[in-house]
Amino acid sequence: MSPPKQTSSAENFDCGTMIKAIKQCLLEKLPIKSTAAAYLIPRSTLQFYLKKVTTAFADIEGVNDDVLLDFVSESKKRVPSNQVN
């Protein structure tokens, strides 16, 4: 009998929820662990997107929500390693 297939909850989050969590961590200086638990996002996934957002945007306060939404939704797509430039 094969073991049950593991599912990842990292793929099942809403981009709008991720933006709210990112803003709470960066603007309101809330801890990553409690913010991830409050929004039901895996902590490591939130850390991944926080790192991406902070490297892409110097000041998140001036960034429009639509721009962040586009950035997070594009970052969500995985690129196979043989297609990376």
Protein backbone atom coordinates (compact mmCIF):
# COMPACT_ATOMS: atom_id res chain seq x y z
CA MET A 1 0.00 0.00 0.00
CA SER A 2 1.45 3.37 -0.99
CA PRO A 3 1.62 6.25 1.48
CA PRO A 4 -0.93 9.05 1.12
CA LYS A 5 0.02 11.80 -1.28
CA GLN A 6 1.13 14.98 0.46
CA THR A 7 -0.52 18.19 -0.59
CA SER A 8 1.06 21.57 -0.30
CA SER A 9 -0.96 24.42 1.13
CA ALA A 10 1.59 26.87 -0.30
CA GLU A 11 -0.09 26.73 -3.70
CA ASN A 12 -3.59 27.30 -2.33
CA PHE A 13 -3.42 30.88 -1.10
CA ASP A 14 -5.16 33.92 -2.47
CA CYS A 15 -2.89 36.66 -3.83
CA GLY A 16 -4.99 39.33 -2.11
CA THR A 17 -4.49 37.58 1.22
CA MET A 18 -0.76 37.42 0.58
CA ILE A 19 -0.63 41.17 -0.12
CA LYS A 20 -2.45 41.92 3.14
CA ALA A 21 -0.03 39.71 5.06
CA ILE A 22 3.00 41.30 3.36
CA LYS A 23 1.76 44.79 4.18
CA GLN A 24 1.15 43.86 7.81
CA CYS A 25 4.67 42.49 8.14
CA LEU A 26 6.41 45.37 6.39
CA LEU A 27 4.30 48.41 7.29
CA GLU A 28 2.95 47.47 10.72
CA LYS A 29 6.10 45.51 11.71
CA LEU A 30 4.12 42.46 12.86
CA PRO A 31 5.97 39.14 13.28
CA ILE A 32 6.02 36.79 10.31
CA LYS A 33 4.98 33.74 12.33
CA SER A 34 1.84 35.26 13.83
CA THR A 35 0.86 36.97 10.56
CA ALA A 36 1.21 33.70 8.66
CA ALA A 37 -0.94 31.92 11.25
CA ALA A 38 -3.59 34.66 11.14
CA TYR A 39 -3.91 34.45 7.34
CA LEU A 40 -3.49 30.65 7.16
CA ILE A 41 -0.39 30.96 4.98
CA PRO A 42 2.67 28.75 5.54
CA ARG A 43 5.40 30.74 7.29
CA SER A 44 8.07 29.81 4.76
CA THR A 45 5.83 30.89 1.88
CA LEU A 46 5.25 34.27 3.50
CA GLN A 47 9.01 34.62 4.05
CA PHE A 48 9.62 33.78 0.38
CA TYR A 49 7.25 36.49 -0.86
CA LEU A 50 8.48 39.04 1.69
CA LYS A 51 12.00 38.57 0.39
CA LYS A 52 10.85 38.92 -3.22
CA VAL A 53 8.83 42.07 -2.51
CA THR A 54 11.55 43.78 -0.48
CA THR A 55 14.16 43.14 -3.19
CA ALA A 56 11.85 44.35 -5.97
CA PHE A 57 10.43 47.45 -4.25
CA ALA A 58 12.50 49.80 -2.10
CA ASP A 59 9.50 51.54 -0.49
CA ILE A 60 6.32 49.48 -0.28
CA GLU A 61 4.21 52.39 1.00
CA GLY A 62 4.27 54.06 -2.40
CA VAL A 63 3.42 50.89 -4.34
CA ASN A 64 -0.14 50.49 -5.58
CA ASP A 65 -2.06 47.34 -4.59
CA ASP A 66 -2.62 46.46 -8.25
CA VAL A 67 1.13 46.50 -8.90
CA LEU A 68 1.72 44.26 -5.87
CA LEU A 69 -1.07 41.93 -6.98
CA ASP A 70 0.49 41.57 -10.43
CA PHE A 71 3.94 41.03 -8.90
CA VAL A 72 2.75 38.34 -6.46
CA SER A 73 0.67 36.53 -9.08
CA GLU A 74 3.65 36.51 -11.49
CA SER A 75 6.00 35.34 -8.72
CA LYS A 76 3.61 32.50 -7.94
CA LYS A 77 4.34 30.87 -11.31
CA ARG A 78 7.22 28.44 -11.12
CA VAL A 79 9.78 28.25 -13.92
CA PRO A 80 11.43 24.90 -14.63
CA SER A 81 15.16 24.95 -13.97
CA ASN A 82 15.98 24.11 -17.58
CA GLN A 83 14.17 27.27 -18.78
CA VAL A 84 15.99 29.76 -16.55
CA ASN A 85 18.28 32.13 -18.44
